[in-house]
Each structure stands twice: as C-alpha cells, then as structure tokens.
Amino acid sequence: IRYHEKELGQLFCDESSRQIVNMLLDECAAGGVQISVGCAVQQVQGG
C-alpha cells in the first residue's frame, strides 16, 4: 500500500482507505477468521 505523510507525522493512503480494510480482511483470511456482517447481537450470557 503506497502512502504519504501529510503533516506532523500523519500517514495517509495514496489511493483509498479501502486498501486498509482489504489489508485487514486479507490478514483475517490468513488466520482463518470467520466474519459475519448484518449480524446483530441480541443477548450475551455467561462469563
């Protein structure tokens, strides 16, 4: 992912923030992570 420093140490993608999301999803895929969207949590029990 190409990036640049805008000012005061702030780093931004040269192209799109979508690249950061895709990077995280690729890292999750490498770990076999399952992801569910549109999945509301109704109740949590236990501990």
All heavy atoms as atom14 arrays in JSON, in Angstrom:
{
  "sequence": "IRYHEKELGQLFCDESSRQIVNMLLDECAAGGVQISVGCAVQQVQGG",
  "atom14_mask": [
    [1, 1, 1, 1, 1, 1, 1, 1, 0, 0, 0, 0, 0, 0],
    [1, 1, 1, 1, 1, 1, 1, 1, 1, 1, 1, 0, 0, 0],
    [1, 1, 1, 1, 1, 1, 1, 1, 1, 1, 1, 1, 0, 0],
    [1, 1, 1, 1, 1, 1, 1, 1, 1, 1, 0, 0, 0, 0],
    [1, 1, 1, 1, 1, 1, 1, 1, 1, 0, 0, 0, 0, 0],
    [1, 1, 1, 1, 1, 1, 1, 1, 1, 0, 0, 0, 0, 0],
    [1, 1, 1, 1, 1, 1, 1, 1, 1, 0, 0, 0, 0, 0],
    [1, 1, 1, 1, 1, 1, 1, 1, 0, 0, 0, 0, 0, 0],
    [1, 1, 1, 1, 0, 0, 0, 0, 0, 0, 0, 0, 0, 0],
    [1, 1, 1, 1, 1, 1, 1, 1, 1, 0, 0, 0, 0, 0],
    [1, 1, 1, 1, 1, 1, 1, 1, 0, 0, 0, 0, 0, 0],
    [1, 1, 1, 1, 1, 1, 1, 1, 1, 1, 1, 0, 0, 0],
    [1, 1, 1, 1, 1, 1, 0, 0, 0, 0, 0, 0, 0, 0],
    [1, 1, 1, 1, 1, 1, 1, 1, 0, 0, 0, 0, 0, 0],
    [1, 1, 1, 1, 1, 1, 1, 1, 1, 0, 0, 0, 0, 0],
    [1, 1, 1, 1, 1, 1, 0, 0, 0, 0, 0, 0, 0, 0],
    [1, 1, 1, 1, 1, 1, 0, 0, 0, 0, 0, 0, 0, 0],
    [1, 1, 1, 1, 1, 1, 1, 1, 1, 1, 1, 0, 0, 0],
    [1, 1, 1, 1, 1, 1, 1, 1, 1, 0, 0, 0, 0, 0],
    [1, 1, 1, 1, 1, 1, 1, 1, 0, 0, 0, 0, 0, 0],
    [1, 1, 1, 1, 1, 1, 1, 0, 0, 0, 0, 0, 0, 0],
    [1, 1, 1, 1, 1, 1, 1, 1, 0, 0, 0, 0, 0, 0],
    [1, 1, 1, 1, 1, 1, 1, 1, 0, 0, 0, 0, 0, 0],
    [1, 1, 1, 1, 1, 1, 1, 1, 0, 0, 0, 0, 0, 0],
    [1, 1, 1, 1, 1, 1, 1, 1, 0, 0, 0, 0, 0, 0],
    [1, 1, 1, 1, 1, 1, 1, 1, 0, 0, 0, 0, 0, 0],
    [1, 1, 1, 1, 1, 1, 1, 1, 1, 0, 0, 0, 0, 0],
    [1, 1, 1, 1, 1, 1, 0, 0, 0, 0, 0, 0, 0, 0],
    [1, 1, 1, 1, 1, 0, 0, 0, 0, 0, 0, 0, 0, 0],
    [1, 1, 1, 1, 1, 0, 0, 0, 0, 0, 0, 0, 0, 0],
    [1, 1, 1, 1, 0, 0, 0, 0, 0, 0, 0, 0, 0, 0],
    [1, 1, 1, 1, 0, 0, 0, 0, 0, 0, 0, 0, 0, 0],
    [1, 1, 1, 1, 1, 1, 1, 0, 0, 0, 0, 0, 0, 0],
    [1, 1, 1, 1, 1, 1, 1, 1, 1, 0, 0, 0, 0, 0],
    [1, 1, 1, 1, 1, 1, 1, 1, 0, 0, 0, 0, 0, 0],
    [1, 1, 1, 1, 1, 1, 0, 0, 0, 0, 0, 0, 0, 0],
    [1, 1, 1, 1, 1, 1, 1, 0, 0, 0, 0, 0, 0, 0],
    [1, 1, 1, 1, 0, 0, 0, 0, 0, 0, 0, 0, 0, 0],
    [1, 1, 1, 1, 1, 1, 0, 0, 0, 0, 0, 0, 0, 0],
    [1, 1, 1, 1, 1, 0, 0, 0, 0, 0, 0, 0, 0, 0],
    [1, 1, 1, 1, 1, 1, 1, 0, 0, 0, 0, 0, 0, 0],
    [1, 1, 1, 1, 1, 1, 1, 1, 1, 0, 0, 0, 0, 0],
    [1, 1, 1, 1, 1, 1, 1, 1, 1, 0, 0, 0, 0, 0],
    [1, 1, 1, 1, 1, 1, 1, 0, 0, 0, 0, 0, 0, 0],
    [1, 1, 1, 1, 1, 1, 1, 1, 1, 0, 0, 0, 0, 0],
    [1, 1, 1, 1, 0, 0, 0, 0, 0, 0, 0, 0, 0, 0],
    [1, 1, 1, 1, 0, 0, 0, 0, 0, 0, 0, 0, 0, 0]
  ],
  "atom14_positions": [
    [[0.85, -1.19, 0.0], [0.0, 0.0, 0.0], [0.88, 1.24, 0.0], [1.69, 1.43, 0.91], [-0.94, 0.01, 1.22], [-1.86, -1.22, 1.2], [-1.76, 1.29, 1.27], [-2.7, -1.39, 2.45], [0.0, 0.0, 0.0], [0.0, 0.0, 0.0], [0.0, 0.0, 0.0], [0.0, 0.0, 0.0], [0.0, 0.0, 0.0], [0.0, 0.0, 0.0]],
    [[0.74, 2.05, -1.0], [1.51, 3.3, -1.07], [0.88, 4.35, -0.17], [-0.35, 4.44, -0.08], [1.6, 3.79, -2.52], [2.44, 2.85, -3.4], [2.65, 3.38, -4.8], [1.4, 3.4, -5.55], [0.8, 4.49, -5.96], [1.31, 5.69, -5.66], [-0.33, 4.44, -6.64], [0.0, 0.0, 0.0], [0.0, 0.0, 0.0], [0.0, 0.0, 0.0]],
    [[1.72, 5.14, 0.47], [1.24, 6.11, 1.45], [2.09, 7.36, 1.41], [3.16, 7.4, 0.78], [1.27, 5.5, 2.86], [2.66, 5.1, 3.3], [3.49, 6.0, 3.99], [3.17, 3.84, 3.02], [4.76, 5.64, 4.38], [4.45, 3.48, 3.4], [5.25, 4.38, 4.08], [6.51, 4.03, 4.46], [0.0, 0.0, 0.0], [0.0, 0.0, 0.0]],
    [[1.62, 8.39, 2.1], [2.39, 9.63, 2.19], [2.16, 10.26, 3.55], [1.16, 10.0, 4.21], [1.99, 10.61, 1.08], [0.55, 11.01, 1.13], [-0.46, 10.24, 0.58], [-0.07, 12.11, 1.66], [-1.63, 10.83, 0.76], [-1.42, 11.97, 1.42], [0.0, 0.0, 0.0], [0.0, 0.0, 0.0], [0.0, 0.0, 0.0], [0.0, 0.0, 0.0]],
    [[3.11, 11.09, 3.96], [2.99, 11.85, 5.2], [2.45, 13.23, 4.84], [3.06, 13.97, 4.08], [4.34, 11.98, 5.9], [4.26, 12.74, 7.22], [5.59, 12.78, 7.96], [6.53, 12.05, 7.56], [5.7, 13.55, 8.93], [0.0, 0.0, 0.0], [0.0, 0.0, 0.0], [0.0, 0.0, 0.0], [0.0, 0.0, 0.0], [0.0, 0.0, 0.0]],
    [[1.31, 13.55, 5.4], [0.67, 14.83, 5.07], [1.29, 15.95, 5.89], [1.76, 16.94, 5.36], [-0.84, 14.74, 5.32], [-1.61, 15.94, 4.82], [-3.11, 15.71, 4.94], [-3.9, 16.9, 4.45], [-5.37, 16.68, 4.58], [0.0, 0.0, 0.0], [0.0, 0.0, 0.0], [0.0, 0.0, 0.0], [0.0, 0.0, 0.0], [0.0, 0.0, 0.0]],
    [[1.25, 15.81, 7.21], [1.87, 16.79, 8.1], [1.96, 16.19, 9.49], [1.18, 15.3, 9.85], [1.07, 18.09, 8.13], [-0.38, 17.92, 8.61], [-1.13, 19.23, 8.65], [-0.48, 20.27, 8.8], [-2.36, 19.2, 8.54], [0.0, 0.0, 0.0], [0.0, 0.0, 0.0], [0.0, 0.0, 0.0], [0.0, 0.0, 0.0], [0.0, 0.0, 0.0]],
    [[2.94, 16.63, 10.25], [3.06, 16.26, 11.66], [2.97, 14.76, 11.89], [2.36, 14.3, 12.85], [1.95, 16.98, 12.47], [1.92, 18.51, 12.37], [0.71, 19.06, 13.1], [3.21, 19.1, 12.92], [0.0, 0.0, 0.0], [0.0, 0.0, 0.0], [0.0, 0.0, 0.0], [0.0, 0.0, 0.0], [0.0, 0.0, 0.0], [0.0, 0.0, 0.0]],
    [[3.57, 13.98, 11.01], [3.61, 12.53, 11.2], [2.37, 11.79, 10.77], [2.28, 10.57, 10.94], [0.0, 0.0, 0.0], [0.0, 0.0, 0.0], [0.0, 0.0, 0.0], [0.0, 0.0, 0.0], [0.0, 0.0, 0.0], [0.0, 0.0, 0.0], [0.0, 0.0, 0.0], [0.0, 0.0, 0.0], [0.0, 0.0, 0.0], [0.0, 0.0, 0.0]],
    [[1.38, 12.5, 10.21], [0.13, 11.85, 9.81], [0.33, 11.09, 8.49], [0.69, 11.68, 7.48], [-0.97, 12.89, 9.62], [-1.26, 13.71, 10.86], [-2.22, 14.85, 10.58], [-2.95, 14.83, 9.6], [-2.21, 15.85, 11.44], [0.0, 0.0, 0.0], [0.0, 0.0, 0.0], [0.0, 0.0, 0.0], [0.0, 0.0, 0.0], [0.0, 0.0, 0.0]],
    [[0.06, 9.78, 8.51], [0.22, 8.96, 7.31], [-1.13, 8.64, 6.69], [-2.07, 8.23, 7.39], [0.96, 7.66, 7.65], [2.38, 7.82, 8.22], [3.05, 6.45, 8.33], [3.22, 8.75, 7.36], [0.0, 0.0, 0.0], [0.0, 0.0, 0.0], [0.0, 0.0, 0.0], [0.0, 0.0, 0.0], [0.0, 0.0, 0.0], [0.0, 0.0, 0.0]],
    [[-1.22, 8.8, 5.37], [-2.44, 8.55, 4.61], [-2.13, 7.6, 3.45], [-1.01, 7.6, 2.93], [-2.98, 9.85, 4.0], [-3.54, 10.83, 4.98], [-2.71, 11.62, 5.75], [-4.92, 10.98, 5.12], [-3.22, 12.55, 6.65], [-5.44, 11.92, 6.0], [-4.6, 12.69, 6.77], [0.0, 0.0, 0.0], [0.0, 0.0, 0.0], [0.0, 0.0, 0.0]],
    [[-3.13, 6.85, 3.03], [-3.01, 6.07, 1.8], [-2.92, 7.02, 0.6], [-3.61, 8.04, 0.57], [-4.22, 5.16, 1.6], [-4.47, 3.92, 2.88], [0.0, 0.0, 0.0], [0.0, 0.0, 0.0], [0.0, 0.0, 0.0], [0.0, 0.0, 0.0], [0.0, 0.0, 0.0], [0.0, 0.0, 0.0], [0.0, 0.0, 0.0], [0.0, 0.0, 0.0]],
    [[-2.1, 6.68, -0.38], [-2.06, 7.47, -1.6], [-3.37, 7.33, -2.38], [-3.8, 8.26, -3.05], [-0.91, 7.01, -2.5], [0.44, 7.53, -2.03], [0.47, 8.27, -1.04], [1.45, 7.18, -2.66], [0.0, 0.0, 0.0], [0.0, 0.0, 0.0], [0.0, 0.0, 0.0], [0.0, 0.0, 0.0], [0.0, 0.0, 0.0], [0.0, 0.0, 0.0]],
    [[-3.97, 6.16, -2.3], [-5.13, 5.87, -3.14], [-6.43, 5.87, -2.35], [-7.22, 6.8, -2.44], [-4.92, 4.54, -3.86], [-3.72, 4.57, -4.82], [-3.4, 3.22, -5.4], [-4.32, 2.38, -5.49], [-2.23, 2.99, -5.77], [0.0, 0.0, 0.0], [0.0, 0.0, 0.0], [0.0, 0.0, 0.0], [0.0, 0.0, 0.0], [0.0, 0.0, 0.0]],
    [[-6.68, 4.83, -1.55], [-8.01, 4.7, -0.94], [-7.92, 4.01, 0.41], [-7.12, 3.09, 0.61], [-8.92, 3.9, -1.87], [-10.11, 3.52, -1.22], [0.0, 0.0, 0.0], [0.0, 0.0, 0.0], [0.0, 0.0, 0.0], [0.0, 0.0, 0.0], [0.0, 0.0, 0.0], [0.0, 0.0, 0.0], [0.0, 0.0, 0.0], [0.0, 0.0, 0.0]],
    [[-8.8, 4.43, 1.32], [-8.9, 3.77, 2.62], [-9.38, 2.33, 2.47], [-9.17, 1.52, 3.37], [-9.86, 4.56, 3.52], [-11.1, 4.76, 2.89], [0.0, 0.0, 0.0], [0.0, 0.0, 0.0], [0.0, 0.0, 0.0], [0.0, 0.0, 0.0], [0.0, 0.0, 0.0], [0.0, 0.0, 0.0], [0.0, 0.0, 0.0], [0.0, 0.0, 0.0]],
    [[-10.01, 2.03, 1.36], [-10.43, 0.65, 1.1], [-9.24, -0.31, 1.17], [-9.38, -1.47, 1.56], [-11.11, 0.58, -0.26], [-11.3, -0.81, -0.84], [-12.15, -1.71, 0.02], [-13.53, -1.26, 0.15], [-14.42, -1.91, 0.9], [-14.06, -2.99, 1.58], [-15.65, -1.46, 0.98], [0.0, 0.0, 0.0], [0.0, 0.0, 0.0], [0.0, 0.0, 0.0]],
    [[-8.04, 0.2, 0.85], [-6.85, -0.65, 0.89], [-6.55, -1.13, 2.32], [-6.08, -2.25, 2.51], [-5.65, 0.12, 0.34], [-5.77, 0.45, -1.14], [-4.65, 1.35, -1.59], [-4.56, 2.53, -1.2], [-3.74, 0.83, -2.4], [0.0, 0.0, 0.0], [0.0, 0.0, 0.0], [0.0, 0.0, 0.0], [0.0, 0.0, 0.0], [0.0, 0.0, 0.0]],
    [[-6.8, -0.27, 3.3], [-6.57, -0.68, 4.69], [-7.57, -1.75, 5.1], [-7.21, -2.74, 5.76], [-6.64, 0.54, 5.63], [-5.56, 1.57, 5.26], [-6.5, 0.11, 7.09], [-4.14, 1.09, 5.45], [0.0, 0.0, 0.0], [0.0, 0.0, 0.0], [0.0, 0.0, 0.0], [0.0, 0.0, 0.0], [0.0, 0.0, 0.0], [0.0, 0.0, 0.0]],
    [[-8.84, -1.57, 4.73], [-9.84, -2.59, 5.04], [-9.49, -3.9, 4.36], [-9.53, -4.97, 4.99], [-11.25, -2.11, 4.61], [-12.27, -3.23, 4.82], [-11.65, -0.88, 5.4], [0.0, 0.0, 0.0], [0.0, 0.0, 0.0], [0.0, 0.0, 0.0], [0.0, 0.0, 0.0], [0.0, 0.0, 0.0], [0.0, 0.0, 0.0], [0.0, 0.0, 0.0]],
    [[-9.11, -3.84, 3.09], [-8.76, -5.07, 2.38], [-7.54, -5.74, 3.01], [-7.48, -6.97, 3.09], [-8.49, -4.77, 0.91], [-9.75, -4.43, 0.14], [-10.86, -4.74, 0.59], [-9.61, -3.78, -1.0], [0.0, 0.0, 0.0], [0.0, 0.0, 0.0], [0.0, 0.0, 0.0], [0.0, 0.0, 0.0], [0.0, 0.0, 0.0], [0.0, 0.0, 0.0]],
    [[-6.58, -4.95, 3.45], [-5.41, -5.5, 4.13], [-5.82, -6.26, 5.39], [-5.36, -7.39, 5.63], [-4.45, -4.36, 4.49], [-3.22, -4.79, 5.28], [-2.28, -3.38, 5.92], [-3.31, -2.94, 7.33], [0.0, 0.0, 0.0], [0.0, 0.0, 0.0], [0.0, 0.0, 0.0], [0.0, 0.0, 0.0], [0.0, 0.0, 0.0], [0.0, 0.0, 0.0]],
    [[-6.69, -5.66, 6.19], [-7.14, -6.32, 7.41], [-7.93, -7.58, 7.1], [-7.78, -8.61, 7.78], [-7.99, -5.35, 8.24], [-7.25, -4.14, 8.81], [-8.24, -3.13, 9.38], [-6.24, -4.57, 9.88], [0.0, 0.0, 0.0], [0.0, 0.0, 0.0], [0.0, 0.0, 0.0], [0.0, 0.0, 0.0], [0.0, 0.0, 0.0], [0.0, 0.0, 0.0]],
    [[-8.76, -7.53, 6.06], [-9.52, -8.72, 5.68], [-8.58, -9.82, 5.17], [-8.8, -11.01, 5.46], [-10.54, -8.37, 4.6], [-11.71, -7.49, 5.07], [-12.6, -7.1, 3.9], [-12.53, -8.22, 6.14], [0.0, 0.0, 0.0], [0.0, 0.0, 0.0], [0.0, 0.0, 0.0], [0.0, 0.0, 0.0], [0.0, 0.0, 0.0], [0.0, 0.0, 0.0]],
    [[-7.54, -9.45, 4.45], [-6.56, -10.44, 3.99], [-5.83, -11.06, 5.18], [-5.57, -12.28, 5.21], [-5.55, -9.79, 3.05], [-6.15, -9.46, 1.68], [-7.24, -10.0, 1.38], [-5.53, -8.68, 0.94], [0.0, 0.0, 0.0], [0.0, 0.0, 0.0], [0.0, 0.0, 0.0], [0.0, 0.0, 0.0], [0.0, 0.0, 0.0], [0.0, 0.0, 0.0]],
    [[-5.49, -10.24, 6.17], [-4.83, -10.76, 7.36], [-5.77, -11.68, 8.14], [-5.34, -12.71, 8.68], [-4.37, -9.6, 8.26], [-3.21, -8.8, 7.69], [-1.91, -9.6, 7.69], [-1.57, -10.2, 8.73], [-1.25, -9.64, 6.63], [0.0, 0.0, 0.0], [0.0, 0.0, 0.0], [0.0, 0.0, 0.0], [0.0, 0.0, 0.0], [0.0, 0.0, 0.0]],
    [[-7.05, -11.33, 8.19], [-8.02, -12.21, 8.85], [-8.15, -13.53, 8.09], [-8.2, -14.61, 8.7], [-9.39, -11.51, 8.93], [-9.49, -10.23, 10.21], [0.0, 0.0, 0.0], [0.0, 0.0, 0.0], [0.0, 0.0, 0.0], [0.0, 0.0, 0.0], [0.0, 0.0, 0.0], [0.0, 0.0, 0.0], [0.0, 0.0, 0.0], [0.0, 0.0, 0.0]],
    [[-8.19, -13.44, 6.77], [-8.31, -14.66, 5.96], [-7.1, -15.57, 6.18], [-7.24, -16.8, 6.23], [-8.45, -14.29, 4.49], [0.0, 0.0, 0.0], [0.0, 0.0, 0.0], [0.0, 0.0, 0.0], [0.0, 0.0, 0.0], [0.0, 0.0, 0.0], [0.0, 0.0, 0.0], [0.0, 0.0, 0.0], [0.0, 0.0, 0.0], [0.0, 0.0, 0.0]],
    [[-5.93, -14.96, 6.34], [-4.73, -15.76, 6.58], [-4.8, -16.51, 7.89], [-4.13, -17.54, 8.07], [-3.49, -14.85, 6.56], [0.0, 0.0, 0.0], [0.0, 0.0, 0.0], [0.0, 0.0, 0.0], [0.0, 0.0, 0.0], [0.0, 0.0, 0.0], [0.0, 0.0, 0.0], [0.0, 0.0, 0.0], [0.0, 0.0, 0.0], [0.0, 0.0, 0.0]],
    [[-5.63, -16.01, 8.81], [-5.8, -16.68, 10.1], [-7.07, -17.5, 10.18], [-7.43, -17.97, 11.27], [0.0, 0.0, 0.0], [0.0, 0.0, 0.0], [0.0, 0.0, 0.0], [0.0, 0.0, 0.0], [0.0, 0.0, 0.0], [0.0, 0.0, 0.0], [0.0, 0.0, 0.0], [0.0, 0.0, 0.0], [0.0, 0.0, 0.0], [0.0, 0.0, 0.0]],
    [[-7.75, -17.65, 9.04], [-8.96, -18.45, 9.03], [-10.12, -17.84, 9.8], [-11.03, -18.56, 10.24], [0.0, 0.0, 0.0], [0.0, 0.0, 0.0], [0.0, 0.0, 0.0], [0.0, 0.0, 0.0], [0.0, 0.0, 0.0], [0.0, 0.0, 0.0], [0.0, 0.0, 0.0], [0.0, 0.0, 0.0], [0.0, 0.0, 0.0], [0.0, 0.0, 0.0]],
    [[-10.12, -16.53, 9.94], [-11.17, -15.85, 10.71], [-12.49, -15.87, 9.93], [-12.51, -15.61, 8.72], [-10.77, -14.39, 11.0], [-11.9, -13.63, 11.69], [-9.49, -14.36, 11.86], [0.0, 0.0, 0.0], [0.0, 0.0, 0.0], [0.0, 0.0, 0.0], [0.0, 0.0, 0.0], [0.0, 0.0, 0.0], [0.0, 0.0, 0.0], [0.0, 0.0, 0.0]],
    [[-13.57, -16.16, 10.62], [-14.91, -16.07, 10.03], [-15.51, -14.72, 10.4], [-15.45, -14.31, 11.56], [-15.8, -17.2, 10.53], [-15.31, -18.6, 10.17], [-16.25, -19.67, 10.7], [-17.47, -19.56, 10.56], [-15.69, -20.7, 11.3], [0.0, 0.0, 0.0], [0.0, 0.0, 0.0], [0.0, 0.0, 0.0], [0.0, 0.0, 0.0], [0.0, 0.0, 0.0]],
    [[-16.1, -14.05, 9.4], [-16.68, -12.73, 9.62], [-18.14, -12.74, 9.17], [-18.44, -13.17, 8.05], [-15.9, -11.65, 8.85], [-14.44, -11.6, 9.34], [-16.56, -10.29, 9.01], [-13.57, -10.63, 8.57], [0.0, 0.0, 0.0], [0.0, 0.0, 0.0], [0.0, 0.0, 0.0], [0.0, 0.0, 0.0], [0.0, 0.0, 0.0], [0.0, 0.0, 0.0]],
    [[-19.02, -12.28, 10.05], [-20.44, -12.17, 9.73], [-20.86, -10.72, 9.79], [-20.67, -10.06, 10.82], [-21.28, -12.99, 10.72], [-20.95, -14.36, 10.66], [0.0, 0.0, 0.0], [0.0, 0.0, 0.0], [0.0, 0.0, 0.0], [0.0, 0.0, 0.0], [0.0, 0.0, 0.0], [0.0, 0.0, 0.0], [0.0, 0.0, 0.0], [0.0, 0.0, 0.0]],
    [[-21.43, -10.19, 8.71], [-21.97, -8.83, 8.7], [-23.49, -8.9, 8.71], [-24.09, -9.94, 8.44], [-21.46, -8.03, 7.47], [-19.96, -7.86, 7.53], [-21.88, -8.73, 6.18], [0.0, 0.0, 0.0], [0.0, 0.0, 0.0], [0.0, 0.0, 0.0], [0.0, 0.0, 0.0], [0.0, 0.0, 0.0], [0.0, 0.0, 0.0], [0.0, 0.0, 0.0]],
    [[-24.11, -7.78, 9.06], [-25.56, -7.78, 9.21], [-26.0, -8.74, 10.3], [-27.08, -9.32, 10.23], [0.0, 0.0, 0.0], [0.0, 0.0, 0.0], [0.0, 0.0, 0.0], [0.0, 0.0, 0.0], [0.0, 0.0, 0.0], [0.0, 0.0, 0.0], [0.0, 0.0, 0.0], [0.0, 0.0, 0.0], [0.0, 0.0, 0.0], [0.0, 0.0, 0.0]],
    [[-25.15, -8.88, 11.3], [-25.37, -9.88, 12.35], [-25.5, -9.18, 13.71], [-24.51, -9.0, 14.42], [-24.22, -10.88, 12.36], [-24.41, -12.24, 13.52], [0.0, 0.0, 0.0], [0.0, 0.0, 0.0], [0.0, 0.0, 0.0], [0.0, 0.0, 0.0], [0.0, 0.0, 0.0], [0.0, 0.0, 0.0], [0.0, 0.0, 0.0], [0.0, 0.0, 0.0]],
    [[-26.71, -8.78, 14.04], [-26.94, -8.08, 15.3], [-26.85, -9.04, 16.47], [-27.28, -10.2, 16.39], [-28.32, -7.43, 15.28], [0.0, 0.0, 0.0], [0.0, 0.0, 0.0], [0.0, 0.0, 0.0], [0.0, 0.0, 0.0], [0.0, 0.0, 0.0], [0.0, 0.0, 0.0], [0.0, 0.0, 0.0], [0.0, 0.0, 0.0], [0.0, 0.0, 0.0]],
    [[-26.28, -8.56, 17.57], [-26.2, -9.34, 18.8], [-27.42, -9.0, 19.65], [-27.69, -7.84, 19.94], [-24.9, -9.04, 19.57], [-24.91, -9.74, 20.92], [-23.7, -9.47, 18.75], [0.0, 0.0, 0.0], [0.0, 0.0, 0.0], [0.0, 0.0, 0.0], [0.0, 0.0, 0.0], [0.0, 0.0, 0.0], [0.0, 0.0, 0.0], [0.0, 0.0, 0.0]],
    [[-28.15, -10.02, 20.04], [-29.38, -9.82, 20.79], [-29.2, -9.99, 22.29], [-29.84, -9.32, 23.09], [-30.46, -10.79, 20.28], [-30.8, -10.55, 18.81], [-31.19, -11.8, 18.06], [-31.05, -12.92, 18.56], [-31.69, -11.64, 16.83], [0.0, 0.0, 0.0], [0.0, 0.0, 0.0], [0.0, 0.0, 0.0], [0.0, 0.0, 0.0], [0.0, 0.0, 0.0]],
    [[-28.3, -10.89, 22.66], [-28.11, -11.18, 24.08], [-26.76, -11.85, 24.3], [-26.3, -12.62, 23.45], [-29.23, -12.12, 24.58], [-29.22, -12.35, 26.09], [-30.35, -13.29, 26.52], [-30.95, -13.99, 25.7], [-30.66, -13.3, 27.8], [0.0, 0.0, 0.0], [0.0, 0.0, 0.0], [0.0, 0.0, 0.0], [0.0, 0.0, 0.0], [0.0, 0.0, 0.0]],
    [[-26.14, -11.54, 25.42], [-24.87, -12.17, 25.8], [-25.05, -12.75, 27.2], [-25.52, -12.06, 28.11], [-23.71, -11.17, 25.79], [-22.41, -11.84, 26.25], [-23.53, -10.57, 24.4], [0.0, 0.0, 0.0], [0.0, 0.0, 0.0], [0.0, 0.0, 0.0], [0.0, 0.0, 0.0], [0.0, 0.0, 0.0], [0.0, 0.0, 0.0], [0.0, 0.0, 0.0]],
    [[-24.66, -13.99, 27.36], [-24.78, -14.66, 28.65], [-23.45, -15.3, 29.02], [-22.56, -15.49, 28.2], [-25.85, -15.76, 28.58], [-27.25, -15.26, 28.26], [-28.21, -16.39, 27.98], [-27.91, -17.29, 27.2], [-29.37, -16.38, 28.64], [0.0, 0.0, 0.0], [0.0, 0.0, 0.0], [0.0, 0.0, 0.0], [0.0, 0.0, 0.0], [0.0, 0.0, 0.0]],
    [[-23.35, -15.67, 30.28], [-22.2, -16.45, 30.73], [-21.13, -15.59, 31.33], [-21.36, -14.52, 31.88], [0.0, 0.0, 0.0], [0.0, 0.0, 0.0], [0.0, 0.0, 0.0], [0.0, 0.0, 0.0], [0.0, 0.0, 0.0], [0.0, 0.0, 0.0], [0.0, 0.0, 0.0], [0.0, 0.0, 0.0], [0.0, 0.0, 0.0], [0.0, 0.0, 0.0]],
    [[-19.9, -16.06, 31.2], [-18.75, -15.4, 31.8], [-17.76, -16.43, 32.27], [-18.01, -17.65, 32.26], [0.0, 0.0, 0.0], [0.0, 0.0, 0.0], [0.0, 0.0, 0.0], [0.0, 0.0, 0.0], [0.0, 0.0, 0.0], [0.0, 0.0, 0.0], [0.0, 0.0, 0.0], [0.0, 0.0, 0.0], [0.0, 0.0, 0.0], [0.0, 0.0, 0.0]]
  ]
}
